[in-house]
Amino acid sequence: MDSSDRISLDDLSDVRKAVSVMRLRSILAAGVGGIIFSAFVLAAWLWVRPGEVSAAIFLAAVSYALFGLPLLVQWVRHWRRIYQRLADVELRVQAGEVVYGSQVKFS
């Protein structure tokens, strides 16, 4: 293996910074996306039946619970697994093991 492929603690620090930005963006998009979808459901219901506001609010809450919330939970769990894998690699590097970037998988 090439020595430039070795992972150092500085490399892991840089990766954590980049991953934290990606994590924030994707979790924010999932959370806001679910709310926007529920707002569209609310607006569509009120457009079809303008007098039933309480039913529209209930339908929007149910749509968020069935579509938006599971998507948000899935992304939170996804990023938790990635952070756990980064922590495992960091422990291996701190223990003195030579870890190559081409051998690390996050799947």
PDB file of N, CA and C in Angstrom:
ATOM      1  N   MET A   1       0.835  -1.185   0.000  1.00  0.00           N
ATOM      2  CA  MET A   1       0.000   0.000   0.000  1.00  0.00           C
ATOM      3  C   MET A   1       0.882   1.251   0.000  1.00  0.00           C
ATOM      4  N   ASP A   2       0.340   2.286  -0.543  1.00  0.00           N
ATOM      5  CA  ASP A   2       1.030   3.560  -0.621  1.00  0.00           C
ATOM      6  C   ASP A   2       0.915   4.277   0.727  1.00  0.00           C
ATOM      7  N   SER A   3       1.982   4.937   1.127  1.00  0.00           N
ATOM      8  CA  SER A   3       1.967   5.617   2.429  1.00  0.00           C
ATOM      9  C   SER A   3       1.019   6.823   2.432  1.00  0.00           C
ATOM     10  N   SER A   4       0.693   7.367   1.265  1.00  0.00           N
ATOM     11  CA  SER A   4      -0.236   8.495   1.229  1.00  0.00           C
ATOM     12  C   SER A   4      -1.674   8.049   1.481  1.00  0.00           C
ATOM     13  N   ASP A   5      -1.915   6.753   1.444  1.00  0.00           N
ATOM     14  CA  ASP A   5      -3.248   6.206   1.682  1.00  0.00           C
ATOM     15  C   ASP A   5      -3.496   5.916   3.165  1.00  0.00           C
ATOM     16  N   ARG A   6      -2.470   6.071   3.995  1.00  0.00           N
ATOM     17  CA  ARG A   6      -2.621   5.822   5.430  1.00  0.00           C
ATOM     18  C   ARG A   6      -3.473   6.910   6.069  1.00  0.00           C
ATOM     19  N   ILE A   7      -4.287   6.484   6.997  1.00  0.00           N
ATOM     20  CA  ILE A   7      -5.162   7.428   7.699  1.00  0.00           C
ATOM     21  C   ILE A   7      -4.475   7.882   8.973  1.00  0.00           C
ATOM     22  N   SER A   8      -4.468   9.195   9.172  1.00  0.00           N
ATOM     23  CA  SER A   8      -3.913   9.760  10.400  1.00  0.00           C
ATOM     24  C   SER A   8      -5.044  10.401  11.203  1.00  0.00           C
ATOM     25  N   LEU A   9      -4.743  10.801  12.414  1.00  0.00           N
ATOM     26  CA  LEU A   9      -5.752  11.460  13.243  1.00  0.00           C
ATOM     27  C   LEU A   9      -6.168  12.803  12.657  1.00  0.00           C
ATOM     28  N   ASP A  10      -5.229  13.483  11.988  1.00  0.00           N
ATOM     29  CA  ASP A  10      -5.577  14.750  11.322  1.00  0.00           C
ATOM     30  C   ASP A  10      -6.574  14.508  10.185  1.00  0.00           C
ATOM     31  N   ASP A  11      -6.363  13.413   9.450  1.00  0.00           N
ATOM     32  CA  ASP A  11      -7.302  13.064   8.379  1.00  0.00           C
ATOM     33  C   ASP A  11      -8.694  12.809   8.946  1.00  0.00           C
ATOM     34  N   LEU A  12      -8.746  12.097  10.048  1.00  0.00           N
ATOM     35  CA  LEU A  12     -10.041  11.805  10.667  1.00  0.00           C
ATOM     36  C   LEU A  12     -10.729  13.065  11.175  1.00  0.00           C
ATOM     37  N   SER A  13      -9.944  14.011  11.664  1.00  0.00           N
ATOM     38  CA  SER A  13     -10.513  15.282  12.116  1.00  0.00           C
ATOM     39  C   SER A  13     -11.135  16.034  10.943  1.00  0.00           C
ATOM     40  N   ASP A  14     -10.433  16.043   9.815  1.00  0.00           N
ATOM     41  CA  ASP A  14     -10.968  16.707   8.622  1.00  0.00           C
ATOM     42  C   ASP A  14     -12.232  16.016   8.117  1.00  0.00           C
ATOM     43  N   VAL A  15     -12.228  14.701   8.178  1.00  0.00           N
ATOM     44  CA  VAL A  15     -13.395  13.941   7.731  1.00  0.00           C
ATOM     45  C   VAL A  15     -14.581  14.214   8.640  1.00  0.00           C
ATOM     46  N   ARG A  16     -14.341  14.275   9.940  1.00  0.00           N
ATOM     47  CA  ARG A  16     -15.437  14.573  10.879  1.00  0.00           C
ATOM     48  C   ARG A  16     -16.066  15.935  10.600  1.00  0.00           C
ATOM     49  N   LYS A  17     -15.229  16.927  10.278  1.00  0.00           N
ATOM     50  CA  LYS A  17     -15.764  18.256   9.961  1.00  0.00           C
ATOM     51  C   LYS A  17     -16.636  18.208   8.714  1.00  0.00           C
ATOM     52  N   ALA A  18     -16.152  17.524   7.674  1.00  0.00           N
ATOM     53  CA  ALA A  18     -16.918  17.433   6.426  1.00  0.00           C
ATOM     54  C   ALA A  18     -18.202  16.638   6.625  1.00  0.00           C
ATOM     55  N   VAL A  19     -18.111  15.558   7.374  1.00  0.00           N
ATOM     56  CA  VAL A  19     -19.279  14.719   7.610  1.00  0.00           C
ATOM     57  C   VAL A  19     -20.313  15.463   8.453  1.00  0.00           C
ATOM     58  N   SER A  20     -19.880  16.277   9.388  1.00  0.00           N
ATOM     59  CA  SER A  20     -20.838  17.007  10.217  1.00  0.00           C
ATOM     60  C   SER A  20     -21.629  18.012   9.388  1.00  0.00           C
ATOM     61  N   VAL A  21     -20.988  18.620   8.389  1.00  0.00           N
ATOM     62  CA  VAL A  21     -21.700  19.548   7.503  1.00  0.00           C
ATOM     63  C   VAL A  21     -22.713  18.785   6.652  1.00  0.00           C
ATOM     64  N   MET A  22     -22.309  17.657   6.093  1.00  0.00           N
ATOM     65  CA  MET A  22     -23.222  16.843   5.283  1.00  0.00           C
ATOM     66  C   MET A  22     -24.373  16.309   6.127  1.00  0.00           C
ATOM     67  N   ARG A  23     -24.060  15.925   7.350  1.00  0.00           N
ATOM     68  CA  ARG A  23     -25.088  15.405   8.255  1.00  0.00           C
ATOM     69  C   ARG A  23     -26.125  16.481   8.556  1.00  0.00           C
ATOM     70  N   LEU A  24     -25.666  17.670   8.879  1.00  0.00           N
ATOM     71  CA  LEU A  24     -26.583  18.758   9.184  1.00  0.00           C
ATOM     72  C   LEU A  24     -27.487  19.056   7.992  1.00  0.00           C
ATOM     73  N   ARG A  25     -26.910  19.117   6.807  1.00  0.00           N
ATOM     74  CA  ARG A  25     -27.699  19.428   5.614  1.00  0.00           C
ATOM     75  C   ARG A  25     -28.741  18.363   5.327  1.00  0.00           C
ATOM     76  N   SER A  26     -28.354  17.108   5.409  1.00  0.00           N
ATOM     77  CA  SER A  26     -29.304  16.055   5.057  1.00  0.00           C
ATOM     78  C   SER A  26     -30.408  15.909   6.106  1.00  0.00           C
ATOM     79  N   ILE A  27     -30.066  16.040   7.371  1.00  0.00           N
ATOM     80  CA  ILE A  27     -31.094  15.937   8.410  1.00  0.00           C
ATOM     81  C   ILE A  27     -32.032  17.138   8.354  1.00  0.00           C
ATOM     82  N   LEU A  28     -31.478  18.306   8.086  1.00  0.00           N
ATOM     83  CA  LEU A  28     -32.306  19.502   7.940  1.00  0.00           C
ATOM     84  C   LEU A  28     -33.238  19.359   6.738  1.00  0.00           C
ATOM     85  N   ALA A  29     -32.710  18.855   5.623  1.00  0.00           N
ATOM     86  CA  ALA A  29     -33.539  18.660   4.431  1.00  0.00           C
ATOM     87  C   ALA A  29     -34.641  17.642   4.682  1.00  0.00           C
ATOM     88  N   ALA A  30     -34.321  16.575   5.394  1.00  0.00           N
ATOM     89  CA  ALA A  30     -35.341  15.566   5.688  1.00  0.00           C
ATOM     90  C   ALA A  30     -36.422  16.133   6.602  1.00  0.00           C
ATOM     91  N   GLY A  31     -36.023  16.880   7.612  1.00  0.00           N
ATOM     92  CA  GLY A  31     -37.002  17.461   8.534  1.00  0.00           C
ATOM     93  C   GLY A  31     -37.876  18.507   7.869  1.00  0.00           C
ATOM     94  N   VAL A  32     -37.246  19.402   7.141  1.00  0.00           N
ATOM     95  CA  VAL A  32     -37.998  20.462   6.471  1.00  0.00           C
ATOM     96  C   VAL A  32     -38.825  19.887   5.324  1.00  0.00           C
ATOM     97  N   GLY A  33     -38.275  18.890   4.632  1.00  0.00           N
ATOM     98  CA  GLY A  33     -39.013  18.266   3.538  1.00  0.00           C
ATOM     99  C   GLY A  33     -40.303  17.624   4.004  1.00  0.00           C
ATOM    100  N   GLY A  34     -40.263  16.975   5.151  1.00  0.00           N
ATOM    101  CA  GLY A  34     -41.482  16.386   5.702  1.00  0.00           C
ATOM    102  C   GLY A  34     -42.514  17.433   6.065  1.00  0.00           C
ATOM    103  N   ILE A  35     -42.055  18.541   6.601  1.00  0.00           N
ATOM    104  CA  ILE A  35     -42.976  19.635   6.958  1.00  0.00           C
ATOM    105  C   ILE A  35     -43.576  20.257   5.703  1.00  0.00           C
ATOM    106  N   ILE A  36     -42.758  20.440   4.672  1.00  0.00           N
ATOM    107  CA  ILE A  36     -43.265  21.011   3.416  1.00  0.00           C
ATOM    108  C   ILE A  36     -44.283  20.067   2.782  1.00  0.00           C
ATOM    109  N   PHE A  37     -43.983  18.761   2.793  1.00  0.00           N
ATOM    110  CA  PHE A  37     -44.940  17.796   2.257  1.00  0.00           C
ATOM    111  C   PHE A  37     -46.261  17.869   3.012  1.00  0.00           C
ATOM    112  N   SER A  38     -46.194  17.948   4.320  1.00  0.00           N
ATOM    113  CA  SER A  38     -47.420  18.049   5.118  1.00  0.00           C
ATOM    114  C   SER A  38     -48.167  19.342   4.828  1.00  0.00           C
ATOM    115  N   ALA A  39     -47.423  20.406   4.574  1.00  0.00           N
ATOM    116  CA  ALA A  39     -48.070  21.674   4.227  1.00  0.00           C
ATOM    117  C   ALA A  39     -48.786  21.572   2.876  1.00  0.00           C
ATOM    118  N   PHE A  40     -48.184  20.848   1.933  1.00  0.00           N
ATOM    119  CA  PHE A  40     -48.851  20.630   0.650  1.00  0.00           C
ATOM    120  C   PHE A  40     -50.118  19.796   0.819  1.00  0.00           C
ATOM    121  N   VAL A  41     -50.060  18.790   1.672  1.00  0.00           N
ATOM    122  CA  VAL A  41     -51.243  17.976   1.953  1.00  0.00           C
ATOM    123  C   VAL A  41     -52.324  18.852   2.574  1.00  0.00           C
ATOM    124  N   LEU A  42     -51.935  19.693   3.518  1.00  0.00           N
ATOM    125  CA  LEU A  42     -52.877  20.612   4.161  1.00  0.00           C
ATOM    126  C   LEU A  42     -53.505  21.540   3.128  1.00  0.00           C
ATOM    127  N   ALA A  43     -52.672  22.134   2.270  1.00  0.00           N
ATOM    128  CA  ALA A  43     -53.182  23.062   1.263  1.00  0.00           C
ATOM    129  C   ALA A  43     -54.088  22.359   0.261  1.00  0.00           C
ATOM    130  N   ALA A  44     -53.720  21.155  -0.143  1.00  0.00           N
ATOM    131  CA  ALA A  44     -54.553  20.412  -1.095  1.00  0.00           C
ATOM    132  C   ALA A  44     -55.911  20.079  -0.482  1.00  0.00           C
ATOM    133  N   TRP A  45     -55.922  19.672   0.780  1.00  0.00           N
ATOM    134  CA  TRP A  45     -57.181  19.347   1.439  1.00  0.00           C
ATOM    135  C   TRP A  45     -58.062  20.593   1.575  1.00  0.00           C
ATOM    136  N   LEU A  46     -57.433  21.704   1.949  1.00  0.00           N
ATOM    137  CA  LEU A  46     -58.214  22.942   2.095  1.00  0.00           C
ATOM    138  C   LEU A  46     -58.696  23.469   0.749  1.00  0.00           C
ATOM    139  N   TRP A  47     -57.992  23.153  -0.313  1.00  0.00           N
ATOM    140  CA  TRP A  47     -58.416  23.582  -1.646  1.00  0.00           C
ATOM    141  C   TRP A  47     -59.644  22.778  -2.092  1.00  0.00           C
ATOM    142  N   VAL A  48     -59.629  21.479  -1.762  1.00  0.00           N
ATOM    143  CA  VAL A  48     -60.746  20.621  -2.140  1.00  0.00           C
ATOM    144  C   VAL A  48     -61.943  20.839  -1.203  1.00  0.00           C
ATOM    145  N   ARG A  49     -61.671  20.963   0.089  1.00  0.00           N
ATOM    146  CA  ARG A  49     -62.734  21.145   1.083  1.00  0.00           C
ATOM    147  C   ARG A  49     -62.376  22.334   1.985  1.00  0.00           C
ATOM    148  N   PRO A  50     -62.694  23.542   1.550  1.00  0.00           N
ATOM    149  CA  PRO A  50     -62.241  24.740   2.269  1.00  0.00           C
ATOM    150  C   PRO A  50     -62.776  24.905   3.693  1.00  0.00           C
ATOM    151  N   GLY A  51     -63.863  24.302   4.042  1.00  0.00           N
ATOM    152  CA  GLY A  51     -64.438  24.521   5.366  1.00  0.00           C
ATOM    153  C   GLY A  51     -63.925  23.577   6.441  1.00  0.00           C
ATOM    154  N   GLU A  52     -63.176  22.558   6.081  1.00  0.00           N
ATOM    155  CA  GLU A  52     -62.768  21.541   7.043  1.00  0.00           C
ATOM    156  C   GLU A  52     -61.319  21.739   7.492  1.00  0.00           C
ATOM    157  N   VAL A  53     -61.109  22.754   8.293  1.00  0.00           N
ATOM    158  CA  VAL A  53     -59.758  23.091   8.737  1.00  0.00           C
ATOM    159  C   VAL A  53     -59.218  22.060   9.727  1.00  0.00           C
ATOM    160  N   SER A  54     -60.033  21.633  10.656  1.00  0.00           N
ATOM    161  CA  SER A  54     -59.545  20.675  11.655  1.00  0.00           C
ATOM    162  C   SER A  54     -59.179  19.342  11.002  1.00  0.00           C
ATOM    163  N   ALA A  55     -59.942  18.913  10.016  1.00  0.00           N
ATOM    164  CA  ALA A  55     -59.617  17.679   9.300  1.00  0.00           C
ATOM    165  C   ALA A  55     -58.318  17.842   8.508  1.00  0.00           C
ATOM    166  N   ALA A  56     -58.114  19.013   7.956  1.00  0.00           N
ATOM    167  CA  ALA A  56     -56.890  19.272   7.196  1.00  0.00           C
ATOM    168  C   ALA A  56     -55.665  19.248   8.105  1.00  0.00           C
ATOM    169  N   ILE A  57     -55.786  19.821   9.282  1.00  0.00           N
ATOM    170  CA  ILE A  57     -54.672  19.816  10.236  1.00  0.00           C
ATOM    171  C   ILE A  57     -54.374  18.387  10.702  1.00  0.00           C
ATOM    172  N   PHE A  58     -55.431  17.629  10.964  1.00  0.00           N
ATOM    173  CA  PHE A  58     -55.244  16.227  11.352  1.00  0.00           C
ATOM    174  C   PHE A  58     -54.564  15.441  10.236  1.00  0.00           C
ATOM    175  N   LEU A  59     -55.001  15.642   9.003  1.00  0.00           N
ATOM    176  CA  LEU A  59     -54.417  14.949   7.864  1.00  0.00           C
ATOM    177  C   LEU A  59     -52.951  15.336   7.668  1.00  0.00           C
ATOM    178  N   ALA A  60     -52.630  16.608   7.876  1.00  0.00           N
ATOM    179  CA  ALA A  60     -51.237  17.052   7.761  1.00  0.00           C
ATOM    180  C   ALA A  60     -50.376  16.415   8.851  1.00  0.00           C
ATOM    181  N   ALA A  61     -50.889  16.328  10.060  1.00  0.00           N
ATOM    182  CA  ALA A  61     -50.137  15.694  11.148  1.00  0.00           C
ATOM    183  C   ALA A  61     -49.923  14.215  10.884  1.00  0.00           C
ATOM    184  N   VAL A  62     -50.940  13.547  10.384  1.00  0.00           N
ATOM    185  CA  VAL A  62     -50.819  12.127  10.072  1.00  0.00           C
ATOM    186  C   VAL A  62     -49.833  11.916   8.923  1.00  0.00           C
ATOM    187  N   SER A  63     -49.890  12.783   7.914  1.00  0.00           N
ATOM    188  CA  SER A  63     -48.958  12.637   6.785  1.00  0.00           C
ATOM    189  C   SER A  63     -47.512  12.859   7.241  1.00  0.00           C
ATOM    190  N   TYR A  64     -47.302  13.775   8.168  1.00  0.00           N
ATOM    191  CA  TYR A  64     -45.945  13.956   8.695  1.00  0.00           C
ATOM    192  C   TYR A  64     -45.514  12.735   9.505  1.00  0.00           C
ATOM    193  N   ALA A  65     -46.435  12.206  10.294  1.00  0.00           N
ATOM    194  CA  ALA A  65     -46.106  11.035  11.117  1.00  0.00           C
ATOM    195  C   ALA A  65     -45.824   9.804  10.264  1.00  0.00           C
ATOM    196  N   LEU A  66     -46.489   9.690   9.121  1.00  0.00           N
ATOM    197  CA  LEU A  66     -46.313   8.513   8.275  1.00  0.00           C
ATOM    198  C   LEU A  66     -45.217   8.662   7.224  1.00  0.00           C
ATOM    199  N   PHE A  67     -44.923   9.889   6.812  1.00  0.00           N
ATOM    200  CA  PHE A  67     -43.941  10.085   5.746  1.00  0.00           C
ATOM    201  C   PHE A  67     -42.729  10.898   6.190  1.00  0.00           C
ATOM    202  N   GLY A  68     -42.946  12.026   6.808  1.00  0.00           N
ATOM    203  CA  GLY A  68     -41.838  12.905   7.172  1.00  0.00           C
ATOM    204  C   GLY A  68     -40.998  12.387   8.324  1.00  0.00           C
ATOM    205  N   LEU A  69     -41.643  11.925   9.357  1.00  0.00           N
ATOM    206  CA  LEU A  69     -40.926  11.441  10.541  1.00  0.00           C
ATOM    207  C   LEU A  69     -40.091  10.183  10.260  1.00  0.00           C
ATOM    208  N   PRO A  70     -40.625   9.182   9.546  1.00  0.00           N
ATOM    209  CA  PRO A  70     -39.776   8.019   9.235  1.00  0.00           C
ATOM    210  C   PRO A  70     -38.556   8.381   8.384  1.00  0.00           C
ATOM    211  N   LEU A  71     -38.723   9.324   7.474  1.00  0.00           N
ATOM    212  CA  LEU A  71     -37.587   9.761   6.662  1.00  0.00           C
ATOM    213  C   LEU A  71     -36.529  10.424   7.543  1.00  0.00           C
ATOM    214  N   LEU A  72     -36.964  11.266   8.458  1.00  0.00           N
ATOM    215  CA  LEU A  72     -36.042  11.923   9.375  1.00  0.00           C
ATOM    216  C   LEU A  72     -35.324  10.905  10.260  1.00  0.00           C
ATOM    217  N   VAL A  73     -36.056   9.951  10.776  1.00  0.00           N
ATOM    218  CA  VAL A  73     -35.461   8.924  11.633  1.00  0.00           C
ATOM    219  C   VAL A  73     -34.453   8.089  10.848  1.00  0.00           C
ATOM    220  N   GLN A  74     -34.765   7.784   9.598  1.00  0.00           N
ATOM    221  CA  GLN A  74     -33.853   7.000   8.764  1.00  0.00           C
ATOM    222  C   GLN A  74     -32.536   7.731   8.568  1.00  0.00           C
ATOM    223  N   TRP A  75     -32.580   9.039   8.313  1.00  0.00           N
ATOM    224  CA  TRP A  75     -31.345   9.798   8.117  1.00  0.00           C
ATOM    225  C   TRP A  75     -30.552   9.947   9.411  1.00  0.00           C
ATOM    226  N   VAL A  76     -31.236  10.112  10.524  1.00  0.00           N
ATOM    227  CA  VAL A  76     -30.536  10.197  11.808  1.00  0.00           C
ATOM    228  C   VAL A  76     -29.814   8.887  12.097  1.00  0.00           C
ATOM    229  N   ARG A  77     -30.461   7.773  11.852  1.00  0.00           N
ATOM    230  CA  ARG A  77     -29.827   6.473  12.064  1.00  0.00           C
ATOM    231  C   ARG A  77     -28.674   6.238  11.096  1.00  0.00           C
ATOM    232  N   HIS A  78     -28.832   6.683   9.858  1.00  0.00           N
ATOM    233  CA  HIS A  78     -27.770   6.560   8.853  1.00  0.00           C
ATOM    234  C   HIS A  78     -26.505   7.285   9.308  1.00  0.00           C
ATOM    235  N   TRP A  79     -26.667   8.524   9.732  1.00  0.00           N
ATOM    236  CA  TRP A  79     -25.501   9.301  10.154  1.00  0.00           C
ATOM    237  C   TRP A  79     -24.923   8.782  11.460  1.00  0.00           C
ATOM    238  N   ARG A  80     -25.737   8.217  12.322  1.00  0.00           N
ATOM    239  CA  ARG A  80     -25.231   7.623  13.554  1.00  0.00           C
ATOM    240  C   ARG A  80     -24.311   6.440  13.235  1.00  0.00           C
ATOM    241  N   ARG A  81     -24.695   5.633  12.244  1.00  0.00           N
ATOM    242  CA  ARG A  81     -23.849   4.504  11.840  1.00  0.00           C
ATOM    243  C   ARG A  81     -22.526   4.991  11.257  1.00  0.00           C
ATOM    244  N   ILE A  82     -22.568   6.061  10.486  1.00  0.00           N
ATOM    245  CA  ILE A  82     -21.325   6.600   9.918  1.00  0.00           C
ATOM    246  C   ILE A  82     -20.419   7.125  11.028  1.00  0.00           C
ATOM    247  N   TYR A  83     -20.976   7.849  11.987  1.00  0.00           N
ATOM    248  CA  TYR A  83     -20.163   8.346  13.103  1.00  0.00           C
ATOM    249  C   TYR A  83     -19.582   7.196  13.917  1.00  0.00           C
ATOM    250  N   GLN A  84     -20.353   6.126  14.077  1.00  0.00           N
ATOM    251  CA  GLN A  84     -19.838   4.962  14.810  1.00  0.00           C
ATOM    252  C   GLN A  84     -18.682   4.328  14.052  1.00  0.00           C
ATOM    253  N   ARG A  85     -18.803   4.240  12.761  1.00  0.00           N
ATOM    254  CA  ARG A  85     -17.722   3.663  11.948  1.00  0.00           C
ATOM    255  C   ARG A  85     -16.481   4.555  12.005  1.00  0.00           C
ATOM    256  N   LEU A  86     -16.661   5.864  11.973  1.00  0.00           N
ATOM    257  CA  LEU A  86     -15.519   6.779  12.123  1.00  0.00           C
ATOM    258  C   LEU A  86     -14.851   6.603  13.482  1.00  0.00           C
ATOM    259  N   ALA A  87     -15.654   6.415  14.522  1.00  0.00           N
ATOM    260  CA  ALA A  87     -15.090   6.205  15.854  1.00  0.00           C
ATOM    261  C   ALA A  87     -14.303   4.901  15.910  1.00  0.00           C
ATOM    262  N   ASP A  88     -14.792   3.861  15.240  1.00  0.00           N
ATOM    263  CA  ASP A  88     -14.071   2.586  15.200  1.00  0.00           C
ATOM    264  C   ASP A  88     -12.715   2.746  14.501  1.00  0.00           C
ATOM    265  N   VAL A  89     -12.713   3.472  13.390  1.00  0.00           N
ATOM    266  CA  VAL A  89     -11.453   3.699  12.660  1.00  0.00           C
ATOM    267  C   VAL A  89     -10.504   4.536  13.514  1.00  0.00           C
ATOM    268  N   GLU A  90     -11.042   5.533  14.209  1.00  0.00           N
ATOM    269  CA  GLU A  90     -10.205   6.370  15.064  1.00  0.00           C
ATOM    270  C   GLU A  90      -9.567   5.551  16.189  1.00  0.00           C
ATOM    271  N   LEU A  91     -10.312   4.646  16.774  1.00  0.00           N
ATOM    272  CA  LEU A  91      -9.752   3.784  17.822  1.00  0.00           C
ATOM    273  C   LEU A  91      -8.626   2.910  17.275  1.00  0.00           C
ATOM    274  N   ARG A  92      -8.813   2.411  16.071  1.00  0.00           N
ATOM    275  CA  ARG A  92      -7.773   1.589  15.468  1.00  0.00           C
ATOM    276  C   ARG A  92      -6.512   2.399  15.212  1.00  0.00           C
ATOM    277  N   VAL A  93      -6.667   3.639  14.744  1.00  0.00           N
ATOM    278  CA  VAL A  93      -5.506   4.498  14.472  1.00  0.00           C
ATOM    279  C   VAL A  93      -4.819   4.874  15.780  1.00  0.00           C
ATOM    280  N   GLN A  94      -5.595   5.200  16.819  1.00  0.00           N
ATOM    281  CA  GLN A  94      -5.012   5.552  18.115  1.00  0.00           C
ATOM    282  C   GLN A  94      -4.278   4.378  18.745  1.00  0.00           C
ATOM    283  N   ALA A  95      -4.715   3.172  18.434  1.00  0.00           N
ATOM    284  CA  ALA A  95      -4.053   1.988  18.976  1.00  0.00           C
ATOM    285  C   ALA A  95      -2.745   1.682  18.261  1.00  0.00           C
ATOM    286  N   GLY A  96      -2.445   2.449  17.223  1.00  0.00           N
ATOM    287  CA  GLY A  96      -1.190   2.254  16.510  1.00  0.00           C
ATOM    288  C   GLY A  96      -1.289   1.379  15.278  1.00  0.00           C
ATOM    289  N   GLU A  97      -2.479   0.930  14.975  1.00  0.00           N
ATOM    290  CA  GLU A  97      -2.672   0.096  13.789  1.00  0.00           C
ATOM    291  C   GLU A  97      -2.570   0.959  12.531  1.00  0.00           C
ATOM    292  N   VAL A  98      -1.958   0.433  11.504  1.00  0.00           N
ATOM    293  CA  VAL A  98      -1.875   1.140  10.227  1.00  0.00           C
ATOM    294  C   VAL A  98      -3.159   0.862   9.458  1.00  0.00           C
ATOM    295  N   VAL A  99      -3.934   1.915   9.220  1.00  0.00           N
ATOM    296  CA  VAL A  99      -5.216   1.794   8.533  1.00  0.00           C
ATOM    297  C   VAL A  99      -5.104   2.548   7.222  1.00  0.00           C
ATOM    298  N   TYR A 100      -5.482   1.878   6.151  1.00  0.00           N
ATOM    299  CA  TYR A 100      -5.443   2.490   4.830  1.00  0.00           C
ATOM    300  C   TYR A 100      -6.851   2.933   4.429  1.00  0.00           C
ATOM    301  N   GLY A 101      -6.923   4.101   3.832  1.00  0.00           N
ATOM    302  CA  GLY A 101      -8.216   4.656   3.435  1.00  0.00           C
ATOM    303  C   GLY A 101      -8.954   3.802   2.433  1.00  0.00           C
ATOM    304  N   SER A 102      -8.231   3.131   1.558  1.00  0.00           N
ATOM    305  CA  SER A 102      -8.884   2.302   0.547  1.00  0.00           C
ATOM    306  C   SER A 102      -9.508   1.051   1.140  1.00  0.00           C
ATOM    307  N   GLN A 103      -9.177   0.722   2.373  1.00  0.00           N
ATOM    308  CA  GLN A 103      -9.727  -0.477   3.008  1.00  0.00           C
ATOM    309  C   GLN A 103     -10.895  -0.169   3.940  1.00  0.00           C
ATOM    310  N   VAL A 104     -11.194   1.089   4.154  1.00  0.00           N
ATOM    311  CA  VAL A 104     -12.281   1.481   5.054  1.00  0.00           C
ATOM    312  C   VAL A 104     -13.566   1.577   4.245  1.00  0.00           C
ATOM    313  N   LYS A 105     -14.610   0.902   4.744  1.00  0.00           N
ATOM    314  CA  LYS A 105     -15.911   0.915   4.079  1.00  0.00           C
ATOM    315  C   LYS A 105     -16.964   1.376   5.077  1.00  0.00           C
ATOM    316  N   PHE A 106     -17.922   2.144   4.586  1.00  0.00           N
ATOM    317  CA  PHE A 106     -18.983   2.658   5.443  1.00  0.00           C
ATOM    318  C   PHE A 106     -20.335   2.049   5.108  1.00  0.00           C
ATOM    319  N   SER A 107     -20.358   0.963   4.405  1.00  0.00           N
ATOM    320  CA  SER A 107     -21.637   0.349   4.028  1.00  0.00           C
ATOM    321  C   SER A 107     -22.058  -0.719   4.999  1.00  0.00           C
TER     322      SER A 107
END
